[in-house]
């Protein structure tokens, strides 16, 4: 993902993003607290944040390949749509 570009996480058939990525961090639209709920490492793996801590010690929950977010639990795919930040 490019820096300073907002990527909306879009489920298939939905018109409203479930959240967005910005500079490697994920933010949910529902929780408007400003704290990131996860991050993407340099290899494209997504890790959920725990209590605001961004740790790579846990298992990744998704993999990002190009503009596709692949949830590892069930291999569900979501689109990443670019927006200007």
C-alpha atoms as a PDB file:
ATOM      1  CA  UNK A   1       0.000   0.000   0.000  1.00  0.00           C
ATOM      2  CA  UNK A   2       1.144   3.515  -0.754  1.00  0.00           C
ATOM      3  CA  UNK A   3       1.769   5.994   2.039  1.00  0.00           C
ATOM      4  CA  UNK A   4      -0.664   8.857   2.675  1.00  0.00           C
ATOM      5  CA  UNK A   5      -3.385   7.121   0.667  1.00  0.00           C
ATOM      6  CA  UNK A   6      -6.545   5.952   2.450  1.00  0.00           C
ATOM      7  CA  UNK A   7      -7.757   2.490   1.419  1.00  0.00           C
ATOM      8  CA  UNK A   8     -11.377   1.639   2.250  1.00  0.00           C
ATOM      9  CA  UNK A   9     -12.093  -1.992   3.203  1.00  0.00           C
ATOM     10  CA  UNK A  10     -15.107  -2.976   1.101  1.00  0.00           C
ATOM     11  CA  UNK A  11     -17.042  -6.233   1.425  1.00  0.00           C
ATOM     12  CA  UNK A  12     -18.362  -7.657  -1.843  1.00  0.00           C
ATOM     13  CA  UNK A  13     -21.621  -5.935  -2.780  1.00  0.00           C
ATOM     14  CA  UNK A  14     -21.339  -3.188  -0.124  1.00  0.00           C
ATOM     15  CA  UNK A  15     -21.146   0.513  -0.938  1.00  0.00           C
ATOM     16  CA  UNK A  16     -19.879   1.700   2.456  1.00  0.00           C
ATOM     17  CA  UNK A  17     -16.403   0.719   3.718  1.00  0.00           C
ATOM     18  CA  UNK A  18     -16.174  -1.297   6.931  1.00  0.00           C
ATOM     19  CA  UNK A  19     -13.084   0.663   7.876  1.00  0.00           C
ATOM     20  CA  UNK A  20      -9.953   1.974   6.253  1.00  0.00           C
ATOM     21  CA  UNK A  21      -6.189   1.593   6.126  1.00  0.00           C
ATOM     22  CA  UNK A  22      -3.873   4.595   6.285  1.00  0.00           C
ATOM     23  CA  UNK A  23      -0.074   4.308   6.416  1.00  0.00           C
ATOM     24  CA  UNK A  24      -0.237   0.656   7.470  1.00  0.00           C
ATOM     25  CA  UNK A  25      -2.798   1.088  10.258  1.00  0.00           C
ATOM     26  CA  UNK A  26      -6.467   0.015  10.211  1.00  0.00           C
ATOM     27  CA  UNK A  27      -9.264   2.178  11.602  1.00  0.00           C
ATOM     28  CA  UNK A  28     -12.891   1.057  11.992  1.00  0.00           C
ATOM     29  CA  UNK A  29     -15.576   3.538  11.027  1.00  0.00           C
ATOM     30  CA  UNK A  30     -17.869   2.432  13.877  1.00  0.00           C
ATOM     31  CA  UNK A  31     -15.370   3.250  16.619  1.00  0.00           C
ATOM     32  CA  UNK A  32     -14.510   6.857  16.033  1.00  0.00           C
ATOM     33  CA  UNK A  33     -11.935   7.076  18.835  1.00  0.00           C
ATOM     34  CA  UNK A  34      -8.941   7.713  16.585  1.00  0.00           C
ATOM     35  CA  UNK A  35      -7.013   4.640  17.791  1.00  0.00           C
ATOM     36  CA  UNK A  36      -5.933   2.061  15.225  1.00  0.00           C
ATOM     37  CA  UNK A  37      -7.472  -1.385  15.559  1.00  0.00           C
ATOM     38  CA  UNK A  38      -4.691  -3.157  13.667  1.00  0.00           C
ATOM     39  CA  UNK A  39      -1.673  -2.819  11.407  1.00  0.00           C
ATOM     40  CA  UNK A  40      -0.037  -4.317   8.333  1.00  0.00           C
ATOM     41  CA  UNK A  41       3.587  -5.474   8.464  1.00  0.00           C
ATOM     42  CA  UNK A  42       6.151  -5.132   5.669  1.00  0.00           C
ATOM     43  CA  UNK A  43       5.155  -8.548   4.217  1.00  0.00           C
ATOM     44  CA  UNK A  44       1.453  -7.644   3.931  1.00  0.00           C
ATOM     45  CA  UNK A  45       0.167  -9.552   6.959  1.00  0.00           C
ATOM     46  CA  UNK A  46      -2.519  -7.874   9.066  1.00  0.00           C
ATOM     47  CA  UNK A  47      -2.415  -8.085  12.867  1.00  0.00           C
ATOM     48  CA  UNK A  48      -5.234  -6.988  15.173  1.00  0.00           C
ATOM     49  CA  UNK A  49      -4.293  -4.608  17.954  1.00  0.00           C
ATOM     50  CA  UNK A  50      -4.838  -5.643  21.533  1.00  0.00           C
ATOM     51  CA  UNK A  51      -5.726  -2.860  23.982  1.00  0.00           C
ATOM     52  CA  UNK A  52      -4.109  -0.325  21.672  1.00  0.00           C
ATOM     53  CA  UNK A  53      -0.804  -2.224  21.506  1.00  0.00           C
ATOM     54  CA  UNK A  54       0.528  -3.123  18.075  1.00  0.00           C
ATOM     55  CA  UNK A  55       2.304  -6.446  18.572  1.00  0.00           C
ATOM     56  CA  UNK A  56       3.539  -8.911  15.958  1.00  0.00           C
ATOM     57  CA  UNK A  57       3.787 -11.685  18.555  1.00  0.00           C
ATOM     58  CA  UNK A  58       0.259 -12.921  17.789  1.00  0.00           C
ATOM     59  CA  UNK A  59      -0.987 -14.612  14.648  1.00  0.00           C
ATOM     60  CA  UNK A  60      -1.918 -12.516  11.640  1.00  0.00           C
ATOM     61  CA  UNK A  61      -5.629 -12.473  10.869  1.00  0.00           C
ATOM     62  CA  UNK A  62      -5.397 -11.461   7.205  1.00  0.00           C
ATOM     63  CA  UNK A  63      -3.058 -11.077   4.245  1.00  0.00           C
ATOM     64  CA  UNK A  64      -3.070  -8.166   1.822  1.00  0.00           C
ATOM     65  CA  UNK A  65      -2.164  -8.945  -1.767  1.00  0.00           C
ATOM     66  CA  UNK A  66      -2.354  -5.971  -4.097  1.00  0.00           C
ATOM     67  CA  UNK A  67      -5.766  -4.395  -3.511  1.00  0.00           C
ATOM     68  CA  UNK A  68      -7.292  -7.520  -1.958  1.00  0.00           C
ATOM     69  CA  UNK A  69      -7.654  -8.184   1.776  1.00  0.00           C
ATOM     70  CA  UNK A  70      -7.864 -11.939   2.448  1.00  0.00           C
ATOM     71  CA  UNK A  71      -9.206 -12.976   5.850  1.00  0.00           C
ATOM     72  CA  UNK A  72      -7.205 -16.065   6.881  1.00  0.00           C
ATOM     73  CA  UNK A  73      -9.902 -17.716   9.037  1.00  0.00           C
ATOM     74  CA  UNK A  74     -12.241 -18.412   6.127  1.00  0.00           C
ATOM     75  CA  UNK A  75     -10.359 -17.075   3.073  1.00  0.00           C
ATOM     76  CA  UNK A  76     -13.029 -14.393   2.539  1.00  0.00           C
ATOM     77  CA  UNK A  77     -11.864 -11.631   0.202  1.00  0.00           C
ATOM     78  CA  UNK A  78     -12.513  -7.908   0.497  1.00  0.00           C
ATOM     79  CA  UNK A  79     -11.578  -5.120  -1.901  1.00  0.00           C
ATOM     80  CA  UNK A  80      -9.319  -2.230  -0.933  1.00  0.00           C
ATOM     81  CA  UNK A  81     -10.488   0.960  -2.635  1.00  0.00           C
ATOM     82  CA  UNK A  82      -8.117   3.941  -2.782  1.00  0.00           C
ATOM     83  CA  UNK A  83      -9.184   7.378  -1.530  1.00  0.00           C
ATOM     84  CA  UNK A  84      -7.030  10.485  -1.113  1.00  0.00           C
ATOM     85  CA  UNK A  85      -6.034  10.977   2.515  1.00  0.00           C
END
